[in-house]
Amino acid sequence: MRIVVTGGAGFIGSHIVDAYIKEGHEVHVIDDFSTGQKANLNPRATVHTLDISAPEAAALVREFKPAVLSHHAAQMDVRRSVEDPTFDARTNILGFVNLLEAAKVAGVKKVIFSSSGGAVYGDQEPIPANEEHATLPLSPYGVSKLAGELYLGYYHSAFGLPYVALRYANVYGPRQSSKGEAGVVAIFISRLLAGEPPVINGDGRQTRDYVYVADVVRANLSALATSYVGAVNIGTGIETDVVTICEGLRAGVGSRSAAVHGPAKAGEQRRSCLDISLARKVLDWCPEMDLKTGLERTVAYSRDAH
């Protein structure tokens, strides 16, 4: 089938493009390359260098008439969203609505939306959080992701546009950028390989649910086939604190650089872990990669690319 993947040169999006092409789908990528890398691009994808907010991006969707819009383009830096919520909203809300309007006209059969299982819930109690957990985002980034889901609910009820909003846990793995604030695993590895101490924000006892990118890709493949409409958590159901991640990576790299602690980040919740029972039911999906092996593979990739 025809699929448009926005953010298809990015960390997660590029892996999804590879998988869709491997399955025989015709894939067009929309990416402005503000964070995406040309090296990540699959040569069999048709690439369009466009901002998702641009009229040209909407025109592409209308003209190509994809069966599926896989939306992974985003402003994903929590800290930047706190410093500049207008920019965050312009990209994550207005840019997405621009594409949804085009999808409505083009007769798109499904939207797969990359949401955030950490950011939309905010501080979580009880742990792990299921999809019925209160949504109380602590950052403009979380607000914008939740807004995307609400717009999808509107387009489904008003125009019959089906969707699956995949609420990702903390995704890590090969191709993750070490720049910005998006990926603590990639940032730690980059510093350790350079012989520099990793910097932990706050006391490092904040927890996250770390899910390997290949498992996320399988969820996106399953989302193509499901008839389910709504939000689905994609994680592991296991809490791991930042100090534990850091020590595991130090061991994996063989580094003697001890971590240093900096100030806690504004807009960062204390605990995050996702209940994945619904994903097992509606996507027939569960994670396959354990954290230790996933971190080892990510270190090996980064060492080769360093």
Protein backbone atom coordinates (compact mmCIF):
# COMPACT_ATOMS: atom_id res chain seq x y z
CA MET A 1 0.00 0.00 0.00
CA ARG A 2 0.97 3.66 -0.24
CA ILE A 3 2.30 5.14 3.01
CA VAL A 4 3.57 8.60 3.90
CA VAL A 5 5.99 8.66 6.84
CA THR A 6 6.67 12.10 8.26
CA GLY A 7 9.98 12.36 10.07
CA GLY A 8 11.15 9.41 8.01
CA ALA A 9 14.82 10.47 8.24
CA GLY A 10 14.68 10.53 12.03
CA PHE A 11 15.63 7.94 14.60
CA ILE A 12 12.34 6.05 14.92
CA GLY A 13 10.83 7.07 11.60
CA SER A 14 13.72 5.79 9.49
CA HIS A 15 13.51 2.33 11.07
CA ILE A 16 9.77 2.28 10.35
CA VAL A 17 10.40 3.29 6.72
CA ASP A 18 12.85 0.39 6.37
CA ALA A 19 10.29 -2.06 7.75
CA TYR A 20 7.44 -0.80 5.57
CA ILE A 21 9.59 -1.00 2.45
CA LYS A 22 10.74 -4.50 3.40
CA GLU A 23 7.06 -5.48 3.59
CA GLY A 24 6.60 -4.25 0.01
CA HIS A 25 4.85 -0.92 0.66
CA GLU A 26 5.42 2.22 -1.41
CA VAL A 27 6.78 4.82 0.99
CA HIS A 28 7.12 8.58 0.65
CA VAL A 29 9.08 10.42 3.36
CA ILE A 30 8.41 13.99 4.47
CA ASP A 31 11.25 15.46 6.55
CA ASP A 32 12.66 18.95 6.96
CA PHE A 33 16.03 17.55 8.14
CA SER A 34 16.12 19.85 11.16
CA THR A 35 17.02 16.74 13.17
CA GLY A 36 16.68 13.90 10.65
CA GLN A 37 19.78 12.55 8.94
CA LYS A 38 20.19 11.82 5.24
CA ALA A 39 22.32 8.81 6.20
CA ASN A 40 19.20 7.24 7.76
CA LEU A 41 17.20 7.36 4.52
CA ASN A 42 16.20 4.18 2.75
CA PRO A 43 17.23 4.50 -0.93
CA ARG A 44 13.94 2.93 -2.00
CA ALA A 45 11.86 5.65 -0.35
CA THR A 46 10.79 8.79 -2.21
CA VAL A 47 11.99 11.74 -0.14
CA HIS A 48 10.46 15.21 0.09
CA THR A 49 12.33 17.92 1.99
CA LEU A 50 9.39 19.77 3.48
CA ASP A 51 8.19 21.29 6.73
CA ILE A 52 4.96 19.57 7.83
CA SER A 53 3.41 23.02 8.36
CA ALA A 54 3.98 23.99 4.73
CA PRO A 55 1.17 24.03 2.16
CA GLU A 56 3.40 21.87 -0.04
CA ALA A 57 3.34 19.07 2.55
CA ALA A 58 -0.45 19.08 2.58
CA ALA A 59 -0.49 19.18 -1.22
CA LEU A 60 1.77 16.12 -1.36
CA VAL A 61 -0.62 14.11 0.84
CA ARG A 62 -3.61 15.21 -1.25
CA GLU A 63 -1.91 14.28 -4.52
CA PHE A 64 -0.22 11.03 -3.44
CA LYS A 65 -3.39 9.79 -1.70
CA PRO A 66 -1.68 7.37 0.70
CA ALA A 67 -3.64 4.65 2.45
CA VAL A 68 -1.73 5.40 5.66
CA LEU A 69 -0.19 8.50 7.19
CA SER A 70 2.49 7.52 9.72
CA HIS A 71 3.19 10.71 11.62
CA HIS A 72 6.55 10.79 13.37
CA ALA A 73 7.73 14.33 12.60
CA ALA A 74 7.79 16.40 15.80
CA GLN A 75 9.48 18.93 17.98
CA MET A 76 10.47 16.42 20.65
CA ASP A 77 12.74 18.35 23.01
CA VAL A 78 10.93 18.76 26.34
CA ARG A 79 13.27 21.52 27.47
CA ARG A 80 12.81 23.49 24.26
CA SER A 81 9.05 23.15 24.59
CA VAL A 82 9.27 24.74 28.04
CA GLU A 83 11.48 27.56 26.74
CA ASP A 84 9.49 28.14 23.54
CA PRO A 85 5.97 26.68 23.74
CA THR A 86 4.90 28.66 20.66
CA PHE A 87 7.44 26.85 18.48
CA ASP A 88 6.41 23.51 19.97
CA ALA A 89 2.73 24.17 19.25
CA ARG A 90 3.42 25.47 15.75
CA THR A 91 5.16 22.23 14.81
CA ASN A 92 3.37 19.59 16.86
CA ILE A 93 -0.17 20.95 16.70
CA LEU A 94 -0.55 23.23 13.67
CA GLY A 95 1.78 21.12 11.54
CA PHE A 96 -0.20 17.99 12.36
CA VAL A 97 -3.57 19.64 11.69
CA ASN A 98 -2.21 20.77 8.32
CA LEU A 99 -1.63 17.11 7.44
CA LEU A 100 -4.93 15.90 8.90
CA GLU A 101 -6.83 18.34 6.71
CA ALA A 102 -5.01 16.91 3.71
CA ALA A 103 -5.60 13.34 4.88
CA LYS A 104 -9.35 14.04 5.10
CA VAL A 105 -9.44 15.24 1.49
CA ALA A 106 -7.13 12.48 0.22
CA GLY A 107 -9.22 9.66 1.64
CA VAL A 108 -6.48 8.33 3.94
CA LYS A 109 -7.64 5.07 5.51
CA LYS A 110 -5.61 5.31 8.74
CA VAL A 111 -3.34 7.61 10.70
CA ILE A 112 -0.63 6.13 12.91
CA PHE A 113 0.46 8.81 15.36
CA SER A 114 3.60 8.78 17.50
CA SER A 115 2.42 9.97 20.88
CA SER A 116 4.24 9.88 24.22
CA GLY A 117 3.35 7.53 27.02
CA GLY A 118 5.48 9.49 29.42
CA ALA A 119 4.63 13.06 28.52
CA VAL A 120 0.85 12.82 28.11
CA TYR A 121 0.29 11.20 31.51
CA GLY A 122 2.58 13.40 33.61
CA ASP A 123 3.46 12.04 37.03
CA GLN A 124 1.97 8.58 37.21
CA GLU A 125 0.07 6.99 40.05
CA PRO A 126 -0.59 4.11 39.99
CA ILE A 127 2.43 2.61 38.20
CA PRO A 128 2.42 1.23 35.56
CA ALA A 129 -0.06 3.55 33.85
CA ASN A 130 -2.67 2.16 31.51
CA GLU A 131 -4.49 4.08 28.79
CA GLU A 132 -7.25 5.13 31.22
CA HIS A 133 -4.75 6.98 33.42
CA ALA A 134 -5.41 10.70 33.86
CA THR A 135 -3.62 12.81 31.25
CA LEU A 136 -1.91 15.66 33.09
CA PRO A 137 1.15 16.62 31.02
CA LEU A 138 3.87 18.60 32.78
CA SER A 139 5.37 20.21 29.66
CA PRO A 140 4.15 21.95 26.51
CA TYR A 141 5.53 18.96 24.59
CA GLY A 142 3.19 16.66 26.50
CA VAL A 143 0.32 19.08 25.93
CA SER A 144 0.99 19.12 22.18
CA LYS A 145 1.09 15.33 21.95
CA LEU A 146 -2.17 15.06 23.86
CA ALA A 147 -3.67 17.72 21.58
CA GLY A 148 -2.67 15.59 18.59
CA GLU A 149 -4.63 12.67 20.04
CA LEU A 150 -7.65 14.90 20.69
CA TYR A 151 -7.57 16.14 17.09
CA LEU A 152 -7.43 12.53 15.91
CA GLY A 153 -10.51 11.80 18.02
CA TYR A 154 -12.29 14.70 16.36
CA TYR A 155 -11.34 13.68 12.81
CA HIS A 156 -12.46 10.11 13.56
CA SER A 157 -15.85 11.14 14.95
CA ALA A 158 -16.51 13.88 12.39
CA PHE A 159 -15.07 12.33 9.23
CA GLY A 160 -14.61 8.63 10.01
CA LEU A 161 -10.81 8.76 9.83
CA PRO A 162 -9.43 5.75 11.77
CA TYR A 163 -6.27 6.15 13.82
CA VAL A 164 -3.94 4.48 16.29
CA ALA A 165 -2.03 6.73 18.68
CA LEU A 166 1.02 4.80 19.85
CA ARG A 167 2.02 6.17 23.25
CA TYR A 168 5.72 5.38 23.24
CA ALA A 169 7.78 4.87 26.37
CA ASN A 170 11.44 6.02 26.21
CA VAL A 171 12.63 4.63 22.89
CA TYR A 172 16.35 3.90 22.45
CA GLY A 173 18.56 2.08 19.98
CA PRO A 174 20.68 2.54 16.84
CA ARG A 175 20.43 5.88 14.98
CA GLN A 176 19.26 7.81 18.03
CA SER A 177 20.77 11.28 18.05
CA SER A 178 22.94 12.38 20.94
CA LYS A 179 22.12 16.03 20.24
CA GLY A 180 19.42 17.86 22.16
CA GLU A 181 17.51 16.33 25.04
CA ALA A 182 15.58 13.56 23.34
CA GLY A 183 17.63 10.46 24.12
CA VAL A 184 19.46 10.00 27.40
CA VAL A 185 20.88 6.66 26.27
CA ALA A 186 22.42 8.18 23.13
CA ILE A 187 23.66 11.23 25.03
CA PHE A 188 25.37 9.10 27.69
CA ILE A 189 26.97 6.82 25.09
CA SER A 190 28.30 9.76 23.10
CA ARG A 191 29.93 11.32 26.14
CA LEU A 192 31.35 8.02 27.40
CA LEU A 193 32.88 7.16 24.01
CA ALA A 194 34.46 10.62 23.96
CA GLY A 195 35.97 10.02 27.40
CA GLU A 196 33.71 12.62 28.98
CA PRO A 197 31.58 12.18 32.12
CA PRO A 198 27.85 11.68 31.55
CA VAL A 199 25.68 14.39 33.11
CA ILE A 200 22.67 13.23 35.11
CA ASN A 201 19.87 15.75 35.63
CA GLY A 202 18.90 15.85 39.29
CA ASP A 203 19.54 12.86 41.55
CA GLY A 204 19.09 10.34 38.73
CA ARG A 205 16.45 8.37 40.58
CA GLN A 206 13.73 9.44 38.15
CA THR A 207 12.46 6.35 36.36
CA ARG A 208 11.50 5.63 32.78
CA ASP A 209 10.28 2.68 30.76
CA TYR A 210 12.96 1.98 28.11
CA VAL A 211 11.79 0.23 24.93
CA TYR A 212 14.07 -0.84 22.08
CA VAL A 213 13.44 0.71 18.68
CA ALA A 214 13.02 -2.62 16.87
CA ASP A 215 10.13 -3.44 19.21
CA VAL A 216 8.56 -0.06 18.41
CA VAL A 217 8.87 -0.86 14.70
CA ARG A 218 6.98 -4.12 15.18
CA ALA A 219 4.20 -2.18 16.90
CA ASN A 220 3.98 0.10 13.86
CA LEU A 221 3.71 -2.91 11.57
CA SER A 222 0.93 -4.33 13.72
CA ALA A 223 -0.85 -0.97 13.69
CA LEU A 224 -1.25 -1.27 9.91
CA ALA A 225 -3.49 -4.30 10.31
CA THR A 226 -5.47 -3.61 13.48
CA SER A 227 -9.07 -2.41 13.38
CA TYR A 228 -8.65 -0.82 16.82
CA VAL A 229 -9.09 2.94 17.05
CA GLY A 230 -7.56 4.87 19.94
CA ALA A 231 -4.45 5.17 22.08
CA VAL A 232 -2.16 2.22 22.85
CA ASN A 233 0.83 2.15 25.20
CA ILE A 234 4.08 0.84 23.70
CA GLY A 235 6.65 0.07 26.39
CA THR A 236 7.90 -2.75 28.58
CA GLY A 237 6.12 -2.28 31.91
CA ILE A 238 9.51 -2.12 33.66
CA GLU A 239 10.79 0.95 35.54
CA THR A 240 14.51 1.75 35.36
CA ASP A 241 16.14 4.80 36.92
CA VAL A 242 18.68 6.99 35.15
CA VAL A 243 21.54 6.06 37.47
CA THR A 244 21.04 2.38 36.57
CA ILE A 245 21.04 3.22 32.86
CA CYS A 246 24.21 5.26 33.26
CA GLU A 247 26.06 2.54 35.17
CA GLY A 248 25.02 -0.09 32.63
CA LEU A 249 26.34 2.04 29.78
CA ARG A 250 29.59 2.81 31.62
CA ALA A 251 30.14 -0.93 31.96
CA GLY A 252 29.20 -1.54 28.32
CA VAL A 253 31.60 1.09 27.05
CA GLY A 254 34.29 0.15 29.56
CA SER A 255 34.51 3.72 30.77
CA ARG A 256 36.01 5.00 33.99
CA SER A 257 34.30 8.38 33.60
CA ALA A 258 32.04 8.77 36.62
CA ALA A 259 28.75 10.59 36.18
CA VAL A 260 28.29 14.15 37.39
CA HIS A 261 24.97 15.57 38.52
CA GLY A 262 23.42 18.75 37.14
CA PRO A 263 20.16 20.54 37.96
CA ALA A 264 16.86 18.76 37.41
CA LYS A 265 15.05 19.58 34.14
CA ALA A 266 11.94 21.73 34.18
CA GLY A 267 8.84 19.86 33.03
CA GLU A 268 10.24 16.41 33.79
CA GLN A 269 8.09 13.94 35.67
CA ARG A 270 9.51 11.76 38.43
CA ARG A 271 8.25 8.32 37.40
CA SER A 272 7.05 6.84 34.15
CA CYS A 273 6.16 3.25 33.29
CA LEU A 274 3.51 1.88 30.95
CA ASP A 275 1.00 -0.94 31.25
CA ILE A 276 1.05 -2.72 27.88
CA SER A 277 -1.92 -5.05 28.37
CA LEU A 278 -3.94 -3.31 25.67
CA ALA A 279 -1.11 -3.61 23.13
CA ARG A 280 -1.03 -7.35 23.74
CA LYS A 281 -4.76 -7.52 23.08
CA VAL A 282 -5.34 -5.20 20.10
CA LEU A 283 -1.93 -5.36 18.38
CA ASP A 284 -0.87 -8.87 19.42
CA TRP A 285 2.34 -7.13 20.46
CA CYS A 286 4.80 -7.35 23.30
CA PRO A 287 8.45 -6.28 23.58
CA GLU A 288 11.08 -8.87 22.75
CA MET A 289 14.32 -7.04 23.61
CA ASP A 290 15.59 -7.04 27.19
CA LEU A 291 17.26 -3.86 28.41
CA LYS A 292 20.75 -5.30 28.92
CA THR A 293 20.97 -6.73 25.39
CA GLY A 294 19.38 -3.63 23.88
CA LEU A 295 21.91 -1.34 25.54
CA GLU A 296 24.77 -3.60 24.42
CA ARG A 297 23.57 -3.46 20.80
CA THR A 298 23.17 0.30 20.97
CA VAL A 299 26.69 0.72 22.36
CA ALA A 300 28.08 -1.54 19.62
CA TYR A 301 26.31 0.49 16.91
CA SER A 302 27.51 3.79 18.38
CA ARG A 303 31.08 2.54 18.72
CA ASP A 304 31.14 1.53 15.04
CA ALA A 305 29.68 4.88 14.01
CA HIS A 306 31.89 6.94 16.36
